[in-house]
Amino acid sequence: MGKIRKAYRVSSQIKDRIFTALRHPECNKDPEIQKLIRDLLEQFIAKVRVFTIMGKAGCGKGTLSAWLIKEMNKLLPQGSRYETLVLGGYFRKILRIRKEPASATPQDMETYGPFLPFVTDRDLADMRSGKMISDQTVINVITAVLKTEPYNTAFGLFFDGFPRNLDQVKILQSGKIMWQAKPLAVDLFVYSHIPKKQDNVFRKRAKLRIAQEIARAAAEKRPAEIREDDRPEVIDERLSTFYHQTEPGIRHILKHIKDKSFKIEGTTSGEIEDSIVMDRAKLLVGWMRKEKY
C-alpha cells in the first residue's frame, strides 16, 4: 500500500474539506481530498490489521466500522477482507436460542450452536438484566469463534464489544487469545466519547428500535423480536455497567497504550434516527493526527 504524502498537514482547511467530502460524498468531488482519503485508508490498512471502536452501547460503533471496513475492503486484493466480530450479536442469538429452541433455524444452529455450551445460565441471567457476561465466557467464545470461517482466514478484524473492561484488556495484553496461530494483538483502539449528559439519547434510540421492530413484524405478519438489552431498565443497567466497568478499561488504554489509541468526540443530532453520529472524518483526522501528517 502506498504511503501518505507528507506534504499534507491537519490544518483547519483540510479538516473542513475532509469532513465535507465524507459527510456529503455526492456533493464533493475534490480530487485532492479524495486522494488524501484514499491514502489515509491505505495507510490504515498497512498498519492496522485488528482494531476496535469502544464506547457506550448504541453510540454508533457499528455504523462507523461498517463504512470503514467497506471502504478498506475495496482497496484489498480480491479474496482478502476485514471481518467484523459482533460479540453482542453472538450472545443475543445464543440467548434467543436458549429461550426458544424451536425458533432456531438449521443455519442458526450451524453458526451459533457450537458456542452454546460456553454460555452458562448465570451468563444468560446477567445478559437479560444488562450486566456483563463473565470474562471467562467472553474469552472462551472469542477463542472458539476465531478458529472458524470467515475469521480464521480474514486479512483483518474489527471487534465490536471487546474488550469491555479492564480485566479483558489485561487478558488481551497477556497474549492468551490466539488468532491465526499467533497471539491476538489489537493494533488500534478508538474511543468514541459521548458525554454523560447525553445519555438520554441512548434511551430514545432503544425505544425507536423497539418501535421499528414492532412495525416491521406487523408488516411481515410475524412475532416481534425485541432485544432483551433494549428494555428501558436494561438500558439503564448497561449505562451503569459502562461507567463502572468499561470506562476504567478505556482510561487504562488511553493512558498506558497511547501509541495504539486515540479518542474522538461523538456528536448528537436533533433527529432521533440519527441520534448518535460518529463522523467518518473524525476517525480519519484522528488517525492522520496520530501519524503526524
C-alpha atoms as a PDB file:
ATOM      1  CA  MET A   1       0.000   0.000   0.000  1.00  0.00           C
ATOM      2  CA  GLY A   2       1.179   3.491  -0.760  1.00  0.00           C
ATOM      3  CA  LYS A   3       2.337   5.890   1.923  1.00  0.00           C
ATOM      4  CA  ILE A   4       0.591   9.128   2.764  1.00  0.00           C
ATOM      5  CA  ARG A   5       2.151  12.157   1.137  1.00  0.00           C
ATOM      6  CA  LYS A   6       3.814  14.011   3.992  1.00  0.00           C
ATOM      7  CA  ALA A   7       3.048  17.379   2.433  1.00  0.00           C
ATOM      8  CA  TYR A   8      -0.402  17.156   3.989  1.00  0.00           C
ATOM      9  CA  ARG A   9      -0.992  18.776   7.377  1.00  0.00           C
ATOM     10  CA  VAL A  10      -4.050  18.605   9.568  1.00  0.00           C
ATOM     11  CA  SER A  11      -4.963  22.241   9.008  1.00  0.00           C
ATOM     12  CA  SER A  12      -8.458  23.502   9.712  1.00  0.00           C
ATOM     13  CA  GLN A  13      -8.992  23.975   5.988  1.00  0.00           C
ATOM     14  CA  ILE A  14      -8.051  20.370   5.154  1.00  0.00           C
ATOM     15  CA  LYS A  15     -10.143  19.044   8.045  1.00  0.00           C
ATOM     16  CA  ASP A  16     -13.165  21.019   6.850  1.00  0.00           C
ATOM     17  CA  ARG A  17     -12.741  19.696   3.305  1.00  0.00           C
ATOM     18  CA  ILE A  18     -12.362  16.091   4.536  1.00  0.00           C
ATOM     19  CA  PHE A  19     -15.452  16.482   6.717  1.00  0.00           C
ATOM     20  CA  THR A  20     -17.458  17.807   3.759  1.00  0.00           C
ATOM     21  CA  ALA A  21     -16.266  15.026   1.458  1.00  0.00           C
ATOM     22  CA  LEU A  22     -17.170  12.249   3.911  1.00  0.00           C
ATOM     23  CA  ARG A  23     -20.434  13.695   5.161  1.00  0.00           C
ATOM     24  CA  HIS A  24     -21.720  14.552   1.702  1.00  0.00           C
ATOM     25  CA  PRO A  25     -19.694  12.474  -0.807  1.00  0.00           C
ATOM     26  CA  GLU A  26     -22.223  13.128  -3.572  1.00  0.00           C
ATOM     27  CA  CYS A  27     -21.573  16.882  -3.256  1.00  0.00           C
ATOM     28  CA  ASN A  28     -17.786  16.873  -3.004  1.00  0.00           C
ATOM     29  CA  LYS A  29     -15.603  15.563  -5.817  1.00  0.00           C
ATOM     30  CA  ASP A  30     -12.426  17.401  -4.829  1.00  0.00           C
ATOM     31  CA  PRO A  31      -9.748  15.101  -6.351  1.00  0.00           C
ATOM     32  CA  GLU A  32      -7.048  16.210  -3.906  1.00  0.00           C
ATOM     33  CA  ILE A  33      -9.183  15.393  -0.876  1.00  0.00           C
ATOM     34  CA  GLN A  34     -10.431  12.147  -2.400  1.00  0.00           C
ATOM     35  CA  LYS A  35      -6.779  11.188  -2.961  1.00  0.00           C
ATOM     36  CA  LEU A  36      -5.913  12.061   0.644  1.00  0.00           C
ATOM     37  CA  ILE A  37      -8.804   9.959   1.951  1.00  0.00           C
ATOM     38  CA  ARG A  38      -7.664   7.028  -0.160  1.00  0.00           C
ATOM     39  CA  ASP A  39      -4.084   7.491   1.063  1.00  0.00           C
ATOM     40  CA  LEU A  40      -5.295   7.525   4.665  1.00  0.00           C
ATOM     41  CA  LEU A  41      -7.293   4.341   4.152  1.00  0.00           C
ATOM     42  CA  GLU A  42      -4.292   2.645   2.538  1.00  0.00           C
ATOM     43  CA  GLN A  43      -2.049   3.732   5.407  1.00  0.00           C
ATOM     44  CA  PHE A  44      -4.634   2.427   7.858  1.00  0.00           C
ATOM     45  CA  ILE A  45      -4.633  -0.943   6.091  1.00  0.00           C
ATOM     46  CA  ALA A  46      -0.822  -1.045   6.083  1.00  0.00           C
ATOM     47  CA  LYS A  47      -0.605  -0.557   9.856  1.00  0.00           C
ATOM     48  CA  VAL A  48      -3.875  -1.850  11.330  1.00  0.00           C
ATOM     49  CA  ARG A  49      -4.932  -5.477  10.984  1.00  0.00           C
ATOM     50  CA  VAL A  50      -7.018  -5.676  14.162  1.00  0.00           C
ATOM     51  CA  PHE A  51      -8.913  -2.745  15.658  1.00  0.00           C
ATOM     52  CA  THR A  52     -11.821  -1.887  17.908  1.00  0.00           C
ATOM     53  CA  ILE A  53     -14.043   1.142  18.499  1.00  0.00           C
ATOM     54  CA  MET A  54     -15.128   1.492  22.109  1.00  0.00           C
ATOM     55  CA  GLY A  55     -17.958   3.454  23.651  1.00  0.00           C
ATOM     56  CA  LYS A  56     -21.404   3.188  25.167  1.00  0.00           C
ATOM     57  CA  ALA A  57     -23.896   0.740  23.729  1.00  0.00           C
ATOM     58  CA  GLY A  58     -25.616   2.384  20.775  1.00  0.00           C
ATOM     59  CA  CYS A  59     -23.009   5.117  20.224  1.00  0.00           C
ATOM     60  CA  GLY A  60     -22.587   4.209  16.562  1.00  0.00           C
ATOM     61  CA  LYS A  61     -19.565   1.900  16.639  1.00  0.00           C
ATOM     62  CA  GLY A  62     -21.161  -0.483  14.161  1.00  0.00           C
ATOM     63  CA  THR A  63     -22.216   2.294  11.789  1.00  0.00           C
ATOM     64  CA  LEU A  64     -18.736   3.763  11.582  1.00  0.00           C
ATOM     65  CA  SER A  65     -16.933   0.438  11.365  1.00  0.00           C
ATOM     66  CA  ALA A  66     -19.277  -0.783   8.608  1.00  0.00           C
ATOM     67  CA  TRP A  67     -18.350   2.212   6.448  1.00  0.00           C
ATOM     68  CA  LEU A  68     -14.642   1.920   7.223  1.00  0.00           C
ATOM     69  CA  ILE A  69     -14.478  -1.811   6.502  1.00  0.00           C
ATOM     70  CA  LYS A  70     -16.474  -1.432   3.282  1.00  0.00           C
ATOM     71  CA  GLU A  71     -14.054   1.226   2.024  1.00  0.00           C
ATOM     72  CA  MET A  72     -10.932  -0.679   3.078  1.00  0.00           C
ATOM     73  CA  ASN A  73     -12.140  -3.926   1.514  1.00  0.00           C
ATOM     74  CA  LYS A  74     -12.449  -2.099  -1.815  1.00  0.00           C
ATOM     75  CA  LEU A  75      -8.698  -1.463  -1.671  1.00  0.00           C
ATOM     76  CA  LEU A  76      -7.661  -5.007  -0.754  1.00  0.00           C
ATOM     77  CA  PRO A  77      -6.818  -7.663  -3.354  1.00  0.00           C
ATOM     78  CA  GLN A  78      -9.671  -9.970  -4.294  1.00  0.00           C
ATOM     79  CA  GLY A  79     -10.146 -12.644  -1.657  1.00  0.00           C
ATOM     80  CA  SER A  80      -8.732 -10.514   1.197  1.00  0.00           C
ATOM     81  CA  ARG A  81     -11.176  -8.985   3.651  1.00  0.00           C
ATOM     82  CA  TYR A  82     -11.608  -7.348   7.028  1.00  0.00           C
ATOM     83  CA  GLU A  83     -14.304  -9.140   9.024  1.00  0.00           C
ATOM     84  CA  THR A  84     -16.427  -7.814  11.890  1.00  0.00           C
ATOM     85  CA  LEU A  85     -16.966  -9.851  15.048  1.00  0.00           C
ATOM     86  CA  VAL A  86     -20.004  -8.504  16.918  1.00  0.00           C
ATOM     87  CA  LEU A  87     -19.851 -10.304  20.249  1.00  0.00           C
ATOM     88  CA  GLY A  88     -23.143  -8.868  21.448  1.00  0.00           C
ATOM     89  CA  GLY A  89     -24.798 -10.318  18.349  1.00  0.00           C
ATOM     90  CA  TYR A  90     -23.463 -13.777  19.166  1.00  0.00           C
ATOM     91  CA  PHE A  91     -24.652 -13.607  22.757  1.00  0.00           C
ATOM     92  CA  ARG A  92     -28.063 -12.204  21.817  1.00  0.00           C
ATOM     93  CA  LYS A  93     -28.556 -15.033  19.325  1.00  0.00           C
ATOM     94  CA  ILE A  94     -27.461 -17.630  21.883  1.00  0.00           C
ATOM     95  CA  LEU A  95     -29.890 -16.133  24.400  1.00  0.00           C
ATOM     96  CA  ARG A  96     -32.757 -16.385  21.908  1.00  0.00           C
ATOM     97  CA  ILE A  97     -31.892 -19.987  21.001  1.00  0.00           C
ATOM     98  CA  ARG A  98     -31.712 -20.952  24.670  1.00  0.00           C
ATOM     99  CA  LYS A  99     -35.075 -19.266  25.347  1.00  0.00           C
ATOM    100  CA  GLU A 100     -36.850 -20.553  22.231  1.00  0.00           C
ATOM    101  CA  PRO A 101     -35.031 -23.620  20.864  1.00  0.00           C
ATOM    102  CA  ALA A 102     -37.856 -24.344  18.419  1.00  0.00           C
ATOM    103  CA  SER A 103     -37.340 -20.965  16.729  1.00  0.00           C
ATOM    104  CA  ALA A 104     -33.718 -21.750  15.770  1.00  0.00           C
ATOM    105  CA  THR A 105     -33.162 -22.446  12.093  1.00  0.00           C
ATOM    106  CA  PRO A 106     -30.638 -25.020  10.831  1.00  0.00           C
ATOM    107  CA  GLN A 107     -28.427 -22.107   9.801  1.00  0.00           C
ATOM    108  CA  ASP A 108     -28.679 -20.653  13.325  1.00  0.00           C
ATOM    109  CA  MET A 109     -27.561 -23.941  14.802  1.00  0.00           C
ATOM    110  CA  GLU A 110     -24.711 -24.279  12.329  1.00  0.00           C
ATOM    111  CA  THR A 111     -23.452 -20.758  13.083  1.00  0.00           C
ATOM    112  CA  TYR A 112     -24.149 -20.439  16.798  1.00  0.00           C
ATOM    113  CA  GLY A 113     -24.760 -23.990  18.005  1.00  0.00           C
ATOM    114  CA  PRO A 114     -21.071 -24.794  18.644  1.00  0.00           C
ATOM    115  CA  PHE A 115     -20.864 -21.914  21.132  1.00  0.00           C
ATOM    116  CA  LEU A 116     -23.981 -22.708  23.193  1.00  0.00           C
ATOM    117  CA  PRO A 117     -22.033 -24.847  25.714  1.00  0.00           C
ATOM    118  CA  PHE A 118     -19.762 -21.921  26.589  1.00  0.00           C
ATOM    119  CA  VAL A 119     -22.644 -19.736  27.841  1.00  0.00           C
ATOM    120  CA  THR A 120     -23.908 -20.576  31.328  1.00  0.00           C
ATOM    121  CA  ASP A 121     -27.329 -19.954  32.854  1.00  0.00           C
ATOM    122  CA  ARG A 122     -25.707 -17.269  35.001  1.00  0.00           C
ATOM    123  CA  ASP A 123     -24.403 -15.555  31.859  1.00  0.00           C
ATOM    124  CA  LEU A 124     -27.895 -15.553  30.362  1.00  0.00           C
ATOM    125  CA  ALA A 125     -29.402 -14.100  33.527  1.00  0.00           C
ATOM    126  CA  ASP A 126     -26.739 -11.381  33.614  1.00  0.00           C
ATOM    127  CA  MET A 127     -27.342 -10.523  29.965  1.00  0.00           C
ATOM    128  CA  ARG A 128     -31.107 -10.235  30.482  1.00  0.00           C
ATOM    129  CA  SER A 129     -30.513  -7.752  33.306  1.00  0.00           C
ATOM    130  CA  GLY A 130     -27.970  -5.680  31.383  1.00  0.00           C
ATOM    131  CA  LYS A 131     -24.915  -6.899  33.273  1.00  0.00           C
ATOM    132  CA  MET A 132     -21.732  -8.137  31.646  1.00  0.00           C
ATOM    133  CA  ILE A 133     -21.239 -11.757  30.725  1.00  0.00           C
ATOM    134  CA  SER A 134     -18.327 -13.279  32.642  1.00  0.00           C
ATOM    135  CA  ASP A 135     -14.848 -12.594  31.294  1.00  0.00           C
ATOM    136  CA  GLN A 136     -14.115 -16.320  31.036  1.00  0.00           C
ATOM    137  CA  THR A 137     -17.175 -16.897  28.851  1.00  0.00           C
ATOM    138  CA  VAL A 138     -16.247 -13.956  26.609  1.00  0.00           C
ATOM    139  CA  ILE A 139     -12.694 -15.261  26.189  1.00  0.00           C
ATOM    140  CA  ASN A 140     -13.916 -18.818  25.537  1.00  0.00           C
ATOM    141  CA  VAL A 141     -16.341 -17.657  22.847  1.00  0.00           C
ATOM    142  CA  ILE A 142     -13.818 -15.330  21.163  1.00  0.00           C
ATOM    143  CA  THR A 143     -11.187 -18.063  21.120  1.00  0.00           C
ATOM    144  CA  ALA A 144     -13.620 -20.549  19.584  1.00  0.00           C
ATOM    145  CA  VAL A 145     -15.090 -18.109  17.044  1.00  0.00           C
ATOM    146  CA  LEU A 146     -11.658 -17.023  15.790  1.00  0.00           C
ATOM    147  CA  LYS A 147     -10.985 -20.623  14.763  1.00  0.00           C
ATOM    148  CA  THR A 148     -13.970 -20.618  12.396  1.00  0.00           C
ATOM    149  CA  GLU A 149     -14.666 -19.114   8.979  1.00  0.00           C
ATOM    150  CA  PRO A 150     -14.530 -16.345   7.943  1.00  0.00           C
ATOM    151  CA  TYR A 151     -12.438 -15.099  10.877  1.00  0.00           C
ATOM    152  CA  ASN A 152      -9.637 -17.660  10.715  1.00  0.00           C
ATOM    153  CA  THR A 153      -8.738 -16.623   7.159  1.00  0.00           C
ATOM    154  CA  ALA A 154      -9.536 -12.896   7.365  1.00  0.00           C
ATOM    155  CA  PHE A 155      -6.966 -10.262   6.417  1.00  0.00           C
ATOM    156  CA  GLY A 156      -8.033  -8.188   9.416  1.00  0.00           C
ATOM    157  CA  LEU A 157     -10.602  -7.994  12.214  1.00  0.00           C
ATOM    158  CA  PHE A 158     -12.870  -5.415  13.792  1.00  0.00           C
ATOM    159  CA  PHE A 159     -14.117  -6.204  17.299  1.00  0.00           C
ATOM    160  CA  ASP A 160     -17.491  -4.775  18.292  1.00  0.00           C
ATOM    161  CA  GLY A 161     -17.920  -5.226  22.044  1.00  0.00           C
ATOM    162  CA  PHE A 162     -14.420  -6.306  23.067  1.00  0.00           C
ATOM    163  CA  PRO A 163     -12.600  -5.538  25.294  1.00  0.00           C
ATOM    164  CA  ARG A 164     -15.300  -4.277  27.651  1.00  0.00           C
ATOM    165  CA  ASN A 165     -13.481  -3.954  30.971  1.00  0.00           C
ATOM    166  CA  LEU A 166     -10.012  -3.652  32.456  1.00  0.00           C
ATOM    167  CA  ASP A 167      -9.654  -7.382  33.092  1.00  0.00           C
ATOM    168  CA  GLN A 168     -10.393  -8.136  29.427  1.00  0.00           C
ATOM    169  CA  VAL A 169      -7.824  -5.521  28.372  1.00  0.00           C
ATOM    170  CA  LYS A 170      -5.212  -7.260  30.535  1.00  0.00           C
ATOM    171  CA  ILE A 171      -6.173 -10.717  29.215  1.00  0.00           C
ATOM    172  CA  LEU A 172      -5.810  -9.367  25.691  1.00  0.00           C
ATOM    173  CA  GLN A 173      -2.389  -7.891  26.507  1.00  0.00           C
ATOM    174  CA  SER A 174      -1.265 -11.205  28.036  1.00  0.00           C
ATOM    175  CA  GLY A 175      -1.281 -12.892  24.624  1.00  0.00           C
ATOM    176  CA  LYS A 176      -3.559 -15.725  25.770  1.00  0.00           C
ATOM    177  CA  ILE A 177      -6.029 -15.281  22.908  1.00  0.00           C
ATOM    178  CA  MET A 178      -4.805 -16.767  19.647  1.00  0.00           C
ATOM    179  CA  TRP A 179      -5.642 -15.791  16.070  1.00  0.00           C
ATOM    180  CA  GLN A 180      -4.107 -17.419  13.011  1.00  0.00           C
ATOM    181  CA  ALA A 181      -1.612 -19.314  15.207  1.00  0.00           C
ATOM    182  CA  LYS A 182      -0.320 -16.119  16.859  1.00  0.00           C
ATOM    183  CA  PRO A 183      -1.290 -14.169  19.996  1.00  0.00           C
ATOM    184  CA  LEU A 184      -4.096 -11.761  19.099  1.00  0.00           C
ATOM    185  CA  ALA A 185      -2.862  -8.160  19.109  1.00  0.00           C
ATOM    186  CA  VAL A 186      -5.103  -5.112  18.691  1.00  0.00           C
ATOM    187  CA  ASP A 187      -3.295  -2.522  16.565  1.00  0.00           C
ATOM    188  CA  LEU A 188      -5.685   0.361  17.242  1.00  0.00           C
ATOM    189  CA  PHE A 189      -8.205   1.277  19.957  1.00  0.00           C
ATOM    190  CA  VAL A 190     -10.567   4.151  19.141  1.00  0.00           C
ATOM    191  CA  TYR A 191     -12.774   5.609  21.863  1.00  0.00           C
ATOM    192  CA  SER A 192     -15.935   7.441  20.824  1.00  0.00           C
ATOM    193  CA  HIS A 193     -16.737   9.651  23.792  1.00  0.00           C
ATOM    194  CA  ILE A 194     -20.370  10.680  24.305  1.00  0.00           C
ATOM    195  CA  PRO A 195     -20.859  12.986  27.349  1.00  0.00           C
ATOM    196  CA  LYS A 196     -22.892  11.617  30.246  1.00  0.00           C
ATOM    197  CA  LYS A 197     -25.367  14.486  29.911  1.00  0.00           C
ATOM    198  CA  GLN A 198     -26.439  13.000  26.565  1.00  0.00           C
ATOM    199  CA  ASP A 199     -27.236   9.538  27.925  1.00  0.00           C
ATOM    200  CA  ASN A 200     -30.951  10.073  27.366  1.00  0.00           C
ATOM    201  CA  VAL A 201     -30.269   9.785  23.628  1.00  0.00           C
ATOM    202  CA  PHE A 202     -29.451   6.099  24.139  1.00  0.00           C
ATOM    203  CA  ARG A 203     -32.799   5.537  25.833  1.00  0.00           C
ATOM    204  CA  LYS A 204     -34.603   7.238  22.928  1.00  0.00           C
ATOM    205  CA  ARG A 205     -32.689   5.153  20.416  1.00  0.00           C
ATOM    206  CA  ALA A 206     -33.636   1.913  22.174  1.00  0.00           C
ATOM    207  CA  LYS A 207     -37.308   2.940  22.139  1.00  0.00           C
ATOM    208  CA  LEU A 208     -37.026   3.725  18.437  1.00  0.00           C
ATOM    209  CA  ARG A 209     -35.508   0.295  17.708  1.00  0.00           C
ATOM    210  CA  ILE A 210     -38.364  -1.374  19.580  1.00  0.00           C
ATOM    211  CA  ALA A 211     -40.988   0.653  17.691  1.00  0.00           C
ATOM    212  CA  GLN A 212     -39.328  -0.087  14.342  1.00  0.00           C
ATOM    213  CA  GLU A 213     -39.164  -3.822  15.067  1.00  0.00           C
ATOM    214  CA  ILE A 214     -42.840  -3.925  16.103  1.00  0.00           C
ATOM    215  CA  ALA A 215     -43.790  -2.139  12.865  1.00  0.00           C
ATOM    216  CA  ARG A 216     -41.662  -4.491  10.728  1.00  0.00           C
ATOM    217  CA  ALA A 217     -43.045  -7.548  12.476  1.00  0.00           C
ATOM    218  CA  ALA A 218     -46.618  -6.370  11.931  1.00  0.00           C
ATOM    219  CA  ALA A 219     -45.953  -5.738   8.236  1.00  0.00           C
ATOM    220  CA  GLU A 220     -44.346  -9.179   7.875  1.00  0.00           C
ATOM    221  CA  LYS A 221     -47.044 -10.860   9.998  1.00  0.00           C
ATOM    222  CA  ARG A 222     -44.614 -12.391  12.482  1.00  0.00           C
ATOM    223  CA  PRO A 223     -43.905 -12.025  16.211  1.00  0.00           C
ATOM    224  CA  ALA A 224     -41.724  -9.058  17.076  1.00  0.00           C
ATOM    225  CA  GLU A 225     -38.175  -9.929  18.136  1.00  0.00           C
ATOM    226  CA  ILE A 226     -37.374  -7.346  20.791  1.00  0.00           C
ATOM    227  CA  ARG A 227     -33.794  -7.303  22.038  1.00  0.00           C
ATOM    228  CA  GLU A 228     -33.613  -8.037  25.751  1.00  0.00           C
ATOM    229  CA  ASP A 229     -30.996  -5.326  26.126  1.00  0.00           C
ATOM    230  CA  ASP A 230     -33.265  -2.646  24.601  1.00  0.00           C
ATOM    231  CA  ARG A 231     -35.718  -2.739  27.513  1.00  0.00           C
ATOM    232  CA  PRO A 232     -35.623   0.585  29.473  1.00  0.00           C
ATOM    233  CA  GLU A 233     -34.464  -0.957  32.744  1.00  0.00           C
ATOM    234  CA  VAL A 234     -31.721  -2.858  30.914  1.00  0.00           C
ATOM    235  CA  ILE A 235     -30.533   0.291  29.113  1.00  0.00           C
ATOM    236  CA  ASP A 236     -30.053   1.984  32.499  1.00  0.00           C
ATOM    237  CA  GLU A 237     -28.123  -1.041  33.787  1.00  0.00           C
ATOM    238  CA  ARG A 238     -25.954  -1.090  30.659  1.00  0.00           C
ATOM    239  CA  LEU A 239     -25.078   2.586  31.112  1.00  0.00           C
ATOM    240  CA  SER A 240     -24.218   1.938  34.761  1.00  0.00           C
ATOM    241  CA  THR A 241     -22.066  -1.018  33.707  1.00  0.00           C
ATOM    242  CA  PHE A 242     -20.260   1.188  31.205  1.00  0.00           C
ATOM    243  CA  TYR A 243     -19.311   3.770  33.827  1.00  0.00           C
ATOM    244  CA  HIS A 244     -18.278   1.242  36.473  1.00  0.00           C
ATOM    245  CA  GLN A 245     -16.554  -1.404  34.315  1.00  0.00           C
ATOM    246  CA  THR A 246     -15.913  -0.339  30.720  1.00  0.00           C
ATOM    247  CA  GLU A 247     -14.747   3.223  31.327  1.00  0.00           C
ATOM    248  CA  PRO A 248     -11.851   2.183  33.645  1.00  0.00           C
ATOM    249  CA  GLY A 249     -10.607  -0.137  30.888  1.00  0.00           C
ATOM    250  CA  ILE A 250     -10.792   2.691  28.349  1.00  0.00           C
ATOM    251  CA  ARG A 251      -8.899   5.044  30.679  1.00  0.00           C
ATOM    252  CA  HIS A 252      -6.200   2.386  31.078  1.00  0.00           C
ATOM    253  CA  ILE A 253      -5.857   2.026  27.298  1.00  0.00           C
ATOM    254  CA  LEU A 254      -5.665   5.783  26.667  1.00  0.00           C
ATOM    255  CA  LYS A 255      -3.045   6.171  29.399  1.00  0.00           C
ATOM    256  CA  HIS A 256      -0.916   3.054  29.006  1.00  0.00           C
ATOM    257  CA  ILE A 257      -1.356   2.126  25.327  1.00  0.00           C
ATOM    258  CA  LYS A 258      -1.037   5.656  23.943  1.00  0.00           C
ATOM    259  CA  ASP A 259       0.754   4.604  20.776  1.00  0.00           C
ATOM    260  CA  LYS A 260      -2.225   2.470  19.748  1.00  0.00           C
ATOM    261  CA  SER A 261      -5.195   4.547  20.882  1.00  0.00           C
ATOM    262  CA  PHE A 262      -6.955   7.857  20.483  1.00  0.00           C
ATOM    263  CA  LYS A 263     -10.236   9.469  21.433  1.00  0.00           C
ATOM    264  CA  ILE A 264     -12.812  11.129  19.202  1.00  0.00           C
ATOM    265  CA  GLU A 265     -15.789  13.167  20.323  1.00  0.00           C
ATOM    266  CA  GLY A 266     -19.093  11.624  19.300  1.00  0.00           C
ATOM    267  CA  THR A 267     -21.867  14.033  18.370  1.00  0.00           C
ATOM    268  CA  THR A 268     -25.644  14.029  18.626  1.00  0.00           C
ATOM    269  CA  SER A 269     -28.127  15.440  16.145  1.00  0.00           C
ATOM    270  CA  GLY A 270     -31.692  16.576  16.551  1.00  0.00           C
ATOM    271  CA  GLU A 271     -33.160  13.622  14.691  1.00  0.00           C
ATOM    272  CA  ILE A 272     -33.723  10.501  16.793  1.00  0.00           C
ATOM    273  CA  GLU A 273     -32.943   8.189  13.885  1.00  0.00           C
ATOM    274  CA  ASP A 274     -29.539   9.913  13.646  1.00  0.00           C
ATOM    275  CA  SER A 275     -29.252  10.454  17.376  1.00  0.00           C
ATOM    276  CA  ILE A 276     -25.635   9.308  17.645  1.00  0.00           C
ATOM    277  CA  VAL A 277     -23.292  10.120  14.780  1.00  0.00           C
ATOM    278  CA  MET A 278     -19.613   9.181  14.787  1.00  0.00           C
ATOM    279  CA  ASP A 279     -18.293  11.053  11.795  1.00  0.00           C
ATOM    280  CA  ARG A 280     -16.083   9.072   9.424  1.00  0.00           C
ATOM    281  CA  ALA A 281     -13.917  12.137   9.117  1.00  0.00           C
ATOM    282  CA  LYS A 282     -13.250  12.264  12.840  1.00  0.00           C
ATOM    283  CA  LEU A 283     -11.677   8.842  12.733  1.00  0.00           C
ATOM    284  CA  LEU A 284      -9.530   9.618   9.694  1.00  0.00           C
ATOM    285  CA  VAL A 285      -8.498  13.035  11.000  1.00  0.00           C
ATOM    286  CA  GLY A 286      -7.684  11.439  14.356  1.00  0.00           C
ATOM    287  CA  TRP A 287      -5.616   8.811  12.545  1.00  0.00           C
ATOM    288  CA  MET A 288      -3.879  11.481  10.466  1.00  0.00           C
ATOM    289  CA  ARG A 289      -3.101  13.462  13.610  1.00  0.00           C
ATOM    290  CA  LYS A 290      -1.708  10.357  15.285  1.00  0.00           C
ATOM    291  CA  GLU A 291       0.503   9.609  12.298  1.00  0.00           C
ATOM    292  CA  LYS A 292       1.669  13.258  12.388  1.00  0.00           C
ATOM    293  CA  TYR A 293       0.708  14.039   8.803  1.00  0.00           C
END
